[in-house]
Amino acid sequence: MSTILLVDDDSNILANTAKKLEDAGYKYDYVNDYKTALNFLRLSRPTIQIVVVTLNNSLGYPVMRKLHSLMADRATIIVYSNNKDRSIANWVKKHNIPYFFEHHQQEEQLFNHIKRSLYRQGQFFSHQQLSMLATILAKYTNDAESLVKQTAPHSKSLQELQHKLARKLDGIDNQRRFLSEVQK
């Protein structure tokens, strides 16, 4: 299950950010209406750490309030808008939502902020990196996926994670083969 939820309206302004996340190996969920987003968050609340919401007019204010009250205590909430006047930015600031980015002007900053938020929350690795490690580790142990899930939160670099996983394998030969395979 992913830790990022992208809530886009029908203008699909988060499509580029979604593509960048995918290219970087991050797993995310993408919904295109607020009702689906609220239902998704009620079911997946414990796992979601970042919620990026497009807010382009005042019709989204009531839903944004609900979303903020539901998730503010456990997730980073980011508002992304293509609104040209400052009304949405002012509304976001007034409601103590700390992160606001403007579409077309701050798209790269939005992507970088998502990555930094994940790092601050202890997610140093993308879903793609962890899947690759689990696949290679599965050649040496049946508990590969659980070992990766248990070890990753306690590692701050890919090399550190690789070595910790290698130490959990039986036999020096298995450890060496695993390390040589993942460090290619």
C-alpha atoms as a PDB file:
ATOM      1  CA  MET A   1       0.000   0.000   0.000  1.00  0.00           C
ATOM      2  CA  SER A   2       1.258   3.459  -0.821  1.00  0.00           C
ATOM      3  CA  THR A   3       1.916   6.336   1.549  1.00  0.00           C
ATOM      4  CA  ILE A   4       1.082   9.130  -0.922  1.00  0.00           C
ATOM      5  CA  LEU A   5      -2.396  10.137  -2.048  1.00  0.00           C
ATOM      6  CA  LEU A   6      -2.831  12.523  -4.959  1.00  0.00           C
ATOM      7  CA  VAL A   7      -6.308  14.073  -5.048  1.00  0.00           C
ATOM      8  CA  ASP A   8      -6.844  15.712  -8.403  1.00  0.00           C
ATOM      9  CA  ASP A   9      -9.958  17.307  -9.787  1.00  0.00           C
ATOM     10  CA  ASP A  10     -11.030  17.020 -13.383  1.00  0.00           C
ATOM     11  CA  SER A  11      -8.293  19.373 -14.608  1.00  0.00           C
ATOM     12  CA  ASN A  12      -5.595  16.706 -13.973  1.00  0.00           C
ATOM     13  CA  ILE A  13      -2.958  19.222 -12.916  1.00  0.00           C
ATOM     14  CA  LEU A  14      -1.206  16.570 -10.813  1.00  0.00           C
ATOM     15  CA  ALA A  15      -0.551  14.320 -13.811  1.00  0.00           C
ATOM     16  CA  ASN A  16       3.063  15.529 -14.231  1.00  0.00           C
ATOM     17  CA  THR A  17       3.775  15.112 -10.527  1.00  0.00           C
ATOM     18  CA  ALA A  18       2.318  11.598 -10.658  1.00  0.00           C
ATOM     19  CA  LYS A  19       4.565  10.779 -13.620  1.00  0.00           C
ATOM     20  CA  LYS A  20       7.636  12.100 -11.787  1.00  0.00           C
ATOM     21  CA  LEU A  21       6.781  10.039  -8.698  1.00  0.00           C
ATOM     22  CA  GLU A  22       6.341   6.953 -10.862  1.00  0.00           C
ATOM     23  CA  ASP A  23       9.620   7.561 -12.692  1.00  0.00           C
ATOM     24  CA  ALA A  24      11.412   7.969  -9.359  1.00  0.00           C
ATOM     25  CA  GLY A  25      10.002   4.633  -8.165  1.00  0.00           C
ATOM     26  CA  TYR A  26       7.506   5.911  -5.598  1.00  0.00           C
ATOM     27  CA  LYS A  27       4.168   4.198  -5.131  1.00  0.00           C
ATOM     28  CA  TYR A  28       1.125   6.437  -4.829  1.00  0.00           C
ATOM     29  CA  ASP A  29      -2.647   6.388  -5.145  1.00  0.00           C
ATOM     30  CA  TYR A  30      -4.376   8.817  -7.492  1.00  0.00           C
ATOM     31  CA  VAL A  31      -8.053   9.757  -7.245  1.00  0.00           C
ATOM     32  CA  ASN A  32      -9.880  12.339  -9.300  1.00  0.00           C
ATOM     33  CA  ASP A  33     -12.691  13.494  -7.044  1.00  0.00           C
ATOM     34  CA  TYR A  34     -13.034  14.592  -3.451  1.00  0.00           C
ATOM     35  CA  LYS A  35     -15.720  12.078  -2.444  1.00  0.00           C
ATOM     36  CA  THR A  36     -13.558   9.142  -3.508  1.00  0.00           C
ATOM     37  CA  ALA A  37     -10.610  10.736  -1.694  1.00  0.00           C
ATOM     38  CA  LEU A  38     -12.483  11.045   1.602  1.00  0.00           C
ATOM     39  CA  ASN A  39     -13.684   7.439   1.390  1.00  0.00           C
ATOM     40  CA  PHE A  40     -10.168   6.264   0.520  1.00  0.00           C
ATOM     41  CA  LEU A  41      -8.683   8.170   3.468  1.00  0.00           C
ATOM     42  CA  ARG A  42     -11.212   6.736   5.894  1.00  0.00           C
ATOM     43  CA  LEU A  43     -10.122   3.245   4.840  1.00  0.00           C
ATOM     44  CA  SER A  44      -6.374   3.915   4.467  1.00  0.00           C
ATOM     45  CA  ARG A  45      -5.830   6.600   7.094  1.00  0.00           C
ATOM     46  CA  PRO A  46      -3.009   4.871   9.017  1.00  0.00           C
ATOM     47  CA  THR A  47      -0.811   4.313   5.962  1.00  0.00           C
ATOM     48  CA  ILE A  48      -1.152   7.668   4.187  1.00  0.00           C
ATOM     49  CA  GLN A  49       1.634  10.104   5.097  1.00  0.00           C
ATOM     50  CA  ILE A  50       1.280  12.722   2.352  1.00  0.00           C
ATOM     51  CA  VAL A  51      -1.902  14.075   0.779  1.00  0.00           C
ATOM     52  CA  VAL A  52      -1.567  16.397  -2.222  1.00  0.00           C
ATOM     53  CA  VAL A  53      -4.852  18.095  -3.112  1.00  0.00           C
ATOM     54  CA  THR A  54      -5.701  20.313  -6.062  1.00  0.00           C
ATOM     55  CA  LEU A  55      -7.900  23.196  -5.040  1.00  0.00           C
ATOM     56  CA  ASN A  56      -8.912  25.488  -7.863  1.00  0.00           C
ATOM     57  CA  ASN A  57     -12.080  27.208  -6.667  1.00  0.00           C
ATOM     58  CA  SER A  58     -14.114  27.830  -3.559  1.00  0.00           C
ATOM     59  CA  LEU A  59     -16.326  24.779  -4.226  1.00  0.00           C
ATOM     60  CA  GLY A  60     -13.539  22.635  -2.775  1.00  0.00           C
ATOM     61  CA  TYR A  61     -13.305  24.541   0.527  1.00  0.00           C
ATOM     62  CA  PRO A  62     -15.797  22.365   2.499  1.00  0.00           C
ATOM     63  CA  VAL A  63     -14.097  19.161   1.375  1.00  0.00           C
ATOM     64  CA  MET A  64     -10.690  20.628   2.126  1.00  0.00           C
ATOM     65  CA  ARG A  65     -11.845  21.399   5.672  1.00  0.00           C
ATOM     66  CA  LYS A  66     -13.030  17.789   6.112  1.00  0.00           C
ATOM     67  CA  LEU A  67      -9.812  16.423   4.689  1.00  0.00           C
ATOM     68  CA  HIS A  68      -7.732  18.671   6.924  1.00  0.00           C
ATOM     69  CA  SER A  69      -9.647  17.668  10.058  1.00  0.00           C
ATOM     70  CA  LEU A  70      -9.362  13.982   9.112  1.00  0.00           C
ATOM     71  CA  MET A  71      -5.641  13.922   8.266  1.00  0.00           C
ATOM     72  CA  ALA A  72      -3.825  16.936   9.762  1.00  0.00           C
ATOM     73  CA  ASP A  73      -2.724  14.984  12.838  1.00  0.00           C
ATOM     74  CA  ARG A  74      -0.986  12.239  10.866  1.00  0.00           C
ATOM     75  CA  ALA A  75      -0.132  13.380   7.337  1.00  0.00           C
ATOM     76  CA  THR A  76       1.510  16.235   5.489  1.00  0.00           C
ATOM     77  CA  ILE A  77      -1.216  18.034   3.548  1.00  0.00           C
ATOM     78  CA  ILE A  78      -0.177  19.964   0.464  1.00  0.00           C
ATOM     79  CA  VAL A  79      -2.479  22.164  -1.583  1.00  0.00           C
ATOM     80  CA  TYR A  80      -1.698  22.611  -5.279  1.00  0.00           C
ATOM     81  CA  SER A  81      -3.616  25.154  -7.335  1.00  0.00           C
ATOM     82  CA  ASN A  82      -3.729  26.796 -10.737  1.00  0.00           C
ATOM     83  CA  ASN A  83      -5.745  29.720  -9.399  1.00  0.00           C
ATOM     84  CA  LYS A  84      -4.224  32.970 -10.634  1.00  0.00           C
ATOM     85  CA  ASP A  85      -5.440  35.312  -7.919  1.00  0.00           C
ATOM     86  CA  ARG A  86      -4.252  34.861  -4.347  1.00  0.00           C
ATOM     87  CA  SER A  87      -7.674  33.940  -2.893  1.00  0.00           C
ATOM     88  CA  ILE A  88      -6.940  30.212  -2.523  1.00  0.00           C
ATOM     89  CA  ALA A  89      -3.433  30.853  -1.169  1.00  0.00           C
ATOM     90  CA  ASN A  90      -4.928  33.231   1.396  1.00  0.00           C
ATOM     91  CA  TRP A  91      -7.645  30.720   2.341  1.00  0.00           C
ATOM     92  CA  VAL A  92      -5.033  27.948   2.773  1.00  0.00           C
ATOM     93  CA  LYS A  93      -2.888  30.189   4.971  1.00  0.00           C
ATOM     94  CA  LYS A  94      -5.927  31.263   7.028  1.00  0.00           C
ATOM     95  CA  HIS A  95      -6.747  27.604   7.777  1.00  0.00           C
ATOM     96  CA  ASN A  96      -3.197  26.789   8.893  1.00  0.00           C
ATOM     97  CA  ILE A  97      -2.413  24.450   6.030  1.00  0.00           C
ATOM     98  CA  PRO A  98       1.333  25.021   5.784  1.00  0.00           C
ATOM     99  CA  TYR A  99       2.109  23.931   2.223  1.00  0.00           C
ATOM    100  CA  PHE A 100       0.755  25.650  -0.878  1.00  0.00           C
ATOM    101  CA  PHE A 101       2.235  25.414  -4.378  1.00  0.00           C
ATOM    102  CA  GLU A 102       1.144  27.079  -7.611  1.00  0.00           C
ATOM    103  CA  HIS A 103       0.718  25.035 -10.769  1.00  0.00           C
ATOM    104  CA  HIS A 104       3.110  25.874 -13.653  1.00  0.00           C
ATOM    105  CA  GLN A 105       5.286  27.978 -11.345  1.00  0.00           C
ATOM    106  CA  GLN A 106       6.168  25.602  -8.528  1.00  0.00           C
ATOM    107  CA  GLU A 107       5.743  22.132 -10.002  1.00  0.00           C
ATOM    108  CA  GLU A 108       9.356  21.116  -9.373  1.00  0.00           C
ATOM    109  CA  GLN A 109       9.203  22.506  -5.825  1.00  0.00           C
ATOM    110  CA  LEU A 110       6.083  20.405  -5.177  1.00  0.00           C
ATOM    111  CA  PHE A 111       7.842  17.209  -6.276  1.00  0.00           C
ATOM    112  CA  ASN A 112      10.940  18.023  -4.205  1.00  0.00           C
ATOM    113  CA  HIS A 113       8.786  18.818  -1.164  1.00  0.00           C
ATOM    114  CA  ILE A 114       7.049  15.428  -1.439  1.00  0.00           C
ATOM    115  CA  LYS A 115      10.436  13.690  -1.496  1.00  0.00           C
ATOM    116  CA  ARG A 116      11.714  15.748   1.467  1.00  0.00           C
ATOM    117  CA  SER A 117       8.547  14.964   3.435  1.00  0.00           C
ATOM    118  CA  LEU A 118       9.080  11.264   2.866  1.00  0.00           C
ATOM    119  CA  TYR A 119      12.692  11.545   4.052  1.00  0.00           C
ATOM    120  CA  ARG A 120      11.620  13.420   7.191  1.00  0.00           C
ATOM    121  CA  GLN A 121       9.130  10.644   7.923  1.00  0.00           C
ATOM    122  CA  GLY A 122      11.845   8.016   7.647  1.00  0.00           C
ATOM    123  CA  GLN A 123      11.150   6.815   4.119  1.00  0.00           C
ATOM    124  CA  PHE A 124      14.582   6.924   2.574  1.00  0.00           C
ATOM    125  CA  PHE A 125      13.840   4.450  -0.210  1.00  0.00           C
ATOM    126  CA  SER A 126      11.386   4.328  -3.072  1.00  0.00           C
ATOM    127  CA  HIS A 127       8.964   1.459  -3.526  1.00  0.00           C
ATOM    128  CA  GLN A 128      10.944   0.429  -6.600  1.00  0.00           C
ATOM    129  CA  GLN A 129      14.216   0.166  -4.646  1.00  0.00           C
ATOM    130  CA  LEU A 130      12.623  -1.926  -1.904  1.00  0.00           C
ATOM    131  CA  SER A 131      10.916  -4.222  -4.414  1.00  0.00           C
ATOM    132  CA  MET A 132      14.198  -4.782  -6.217  1.00  0.00           C
ATOM    133  CA  LEU A 133      15.961  -5.666  -2.954  1.00  0.00           C
ATOM    134  CA  ALA A 134      13.155  -8.049  -1.960  1.00  0.00           C
ATOM    135  CA  THR A 135      13.309  -9.763  -5.356  1.00  0.00           C
ATOM    136  CA  ILE A 136      17.049 -10.362  -5.118  1.00  0.00           C
ATOM    137  CA  LEU A 137      16.851 -11.340  -1.443  1.00  0.00           C
ATOM    138  CA  ALA A 138      14.125 -13.885  -2.273  1.00  0.00           C
ATOM    139  CA  LYS A 139      16.812 -15.983  -3.990  1.00  0.00           C
ATOM    140  CA  TYR A 140      18.454 -16.493  -0.601  1.00  0.00           C
ATOM    141  CA  THR A 141      15.564 -16.612   1.894  1.00  0.00           C
ATOM    142  CA  ASN A 142      11.814 -17.185   2.016  1.00  0.00           C
ATOM    143  CA  ASP A 143      11.252 -14.180   4.307  1.00  0.00           C
ATOM    144  CA  ALA A 144      12.638 -11.604   1.869  1.00  0.00           C
ATOM    145  CA  GLU A 145       9.713  -9.222   1.827  1.00  0.00           C
ATOM    146  CA  SER A 146       9.256  -9.144   5.597  1.00  0.00           C
ATOM    147  CA  LEU A 147      13.021  -8.702   6.149  1.00  0.00           C
ATOM    148  CA  VAL A 148      13.071  -5.703   3.812  1.00  0.00           C
ATOM    149  CA  LYS A 149       9.998  -4.171   5.501  1.00  0.00           C
ATOM    150  CA  GLN A 150      11.503  -4.649   8.970  1.00  0.00           C
ATOM    151  CA  THR A 151      14.991  -3.419   8.096  1.00  0.00           C
ATOM    152  CA  ALA A 152      14.312  -0.432   5.803  1.00  0.00           C
ATOM    153  CA  PRO A 153      12.912   1.934   8.466  1.00  0.00           C
ATOM    154  CA  HIS A 154      16.128   1.523  10.472  1.00  0.00           C
ATOM    155  CA  SER A 155      18.486   2.265   7.568  1.00  0.00           C
ATOM    156  CA  LYS A 156      19.432   5.687   6.255  1.00  0.00           C
ATOM    157  CA  SER A 157      21.226   4.719   3.052  1.00  0.00           C
ATOM    158  CA  LEU A 158      20.817   2.045   0.423  1.00  0.00           C
ATOM    159  CA  GLN A 159      24.267   0.654   1.154  1.00  0.00           C
ATOM    160  CA  GLU A 160      23.490   0.403   4.880  1.00  0.00           C
ATOM    161  CA  LEU A 161      20.230  -1.417   4.097  1.00  0.00           C
ATOM    162  CA  GLN A 162      21.987  -3.834   1.736  1.00  0.00           C
ATOM    163  CA  HIS A 163      24.578  -4.725   4.366  1.00  0.00           C
ATOM    164  CA  LYS A 164      21.983  -5.166   7.113  1.00  0.00           C
ATOM    165  CA  LEU A 165      20.017  -7.507   4.864  1.00  0.00           C
ATOM    166  CA  ALA A 166      23.154  -9.449   3.973  1.00  0.00           C
ATOM    167  CA  ARG A 167      23.943  -9.975   7.670  1.00  0.00           C
ATOM    168  CA  LYS A 168      20.516 -11.583   8.117  1.00  0.00           C
ATOM    169  CA  LEU A 169      21.361 -14.319   5.597  1.00  0.00           C
ATOM    170  CA  ASP A 170      22.801 -17.675   6.621  1.00  0.00           C
ATOM    171  CA  GLY A 171      26.321 -18.380   5.406  1.00  0.00           C
ATOM    172  CA  ILE A 172      29.079 -16.065   4.285  1.00  0.00           C
ATOM    173  CA  ASP A 173      28.738 -17.245   0.685  1.00  0.00           C
ATOM    174  CA  ASN A 174      25.085 -16.225   0.530  1.00  0.00           C
ATOM    175  CA  GLN A 175      25.946 -12.869   2.056  1.00  0.00           C
ATOM    176  CA  ARG A 176      28.704 -12.215  -0.486  1.00  0.00           C
ATOM    177  CA  ARG A 177      26.579 -13.309  -3.469  1.00  0.00           C
ATOM    178  CA  PHE A 178      23.676 -11.142  -2.333  1.00  0.00           C
ATOM    179  CA  LEU A 179      25.896  -8.082  -1.892  1.00  0.00           C
ATOM    180  CA  SER A 180      27.644  -8.552  -5.223  1.00  0.00           C
ATOM    181  CA  GLU A 181      24.277  -8.909  -6.965  1.00  0.00           C
ATOM    182  CA  VAL A 182      22.638  -5.829  -5.420  1.00  0.00           C
ATOM    183  CA  GLN A 183      25.710  -3.628  -5.838  1.00  0.00           C
ATOM    184  CA  LYS A 184      26.093  -4.206  -9.581  1.00  0.00           C
END
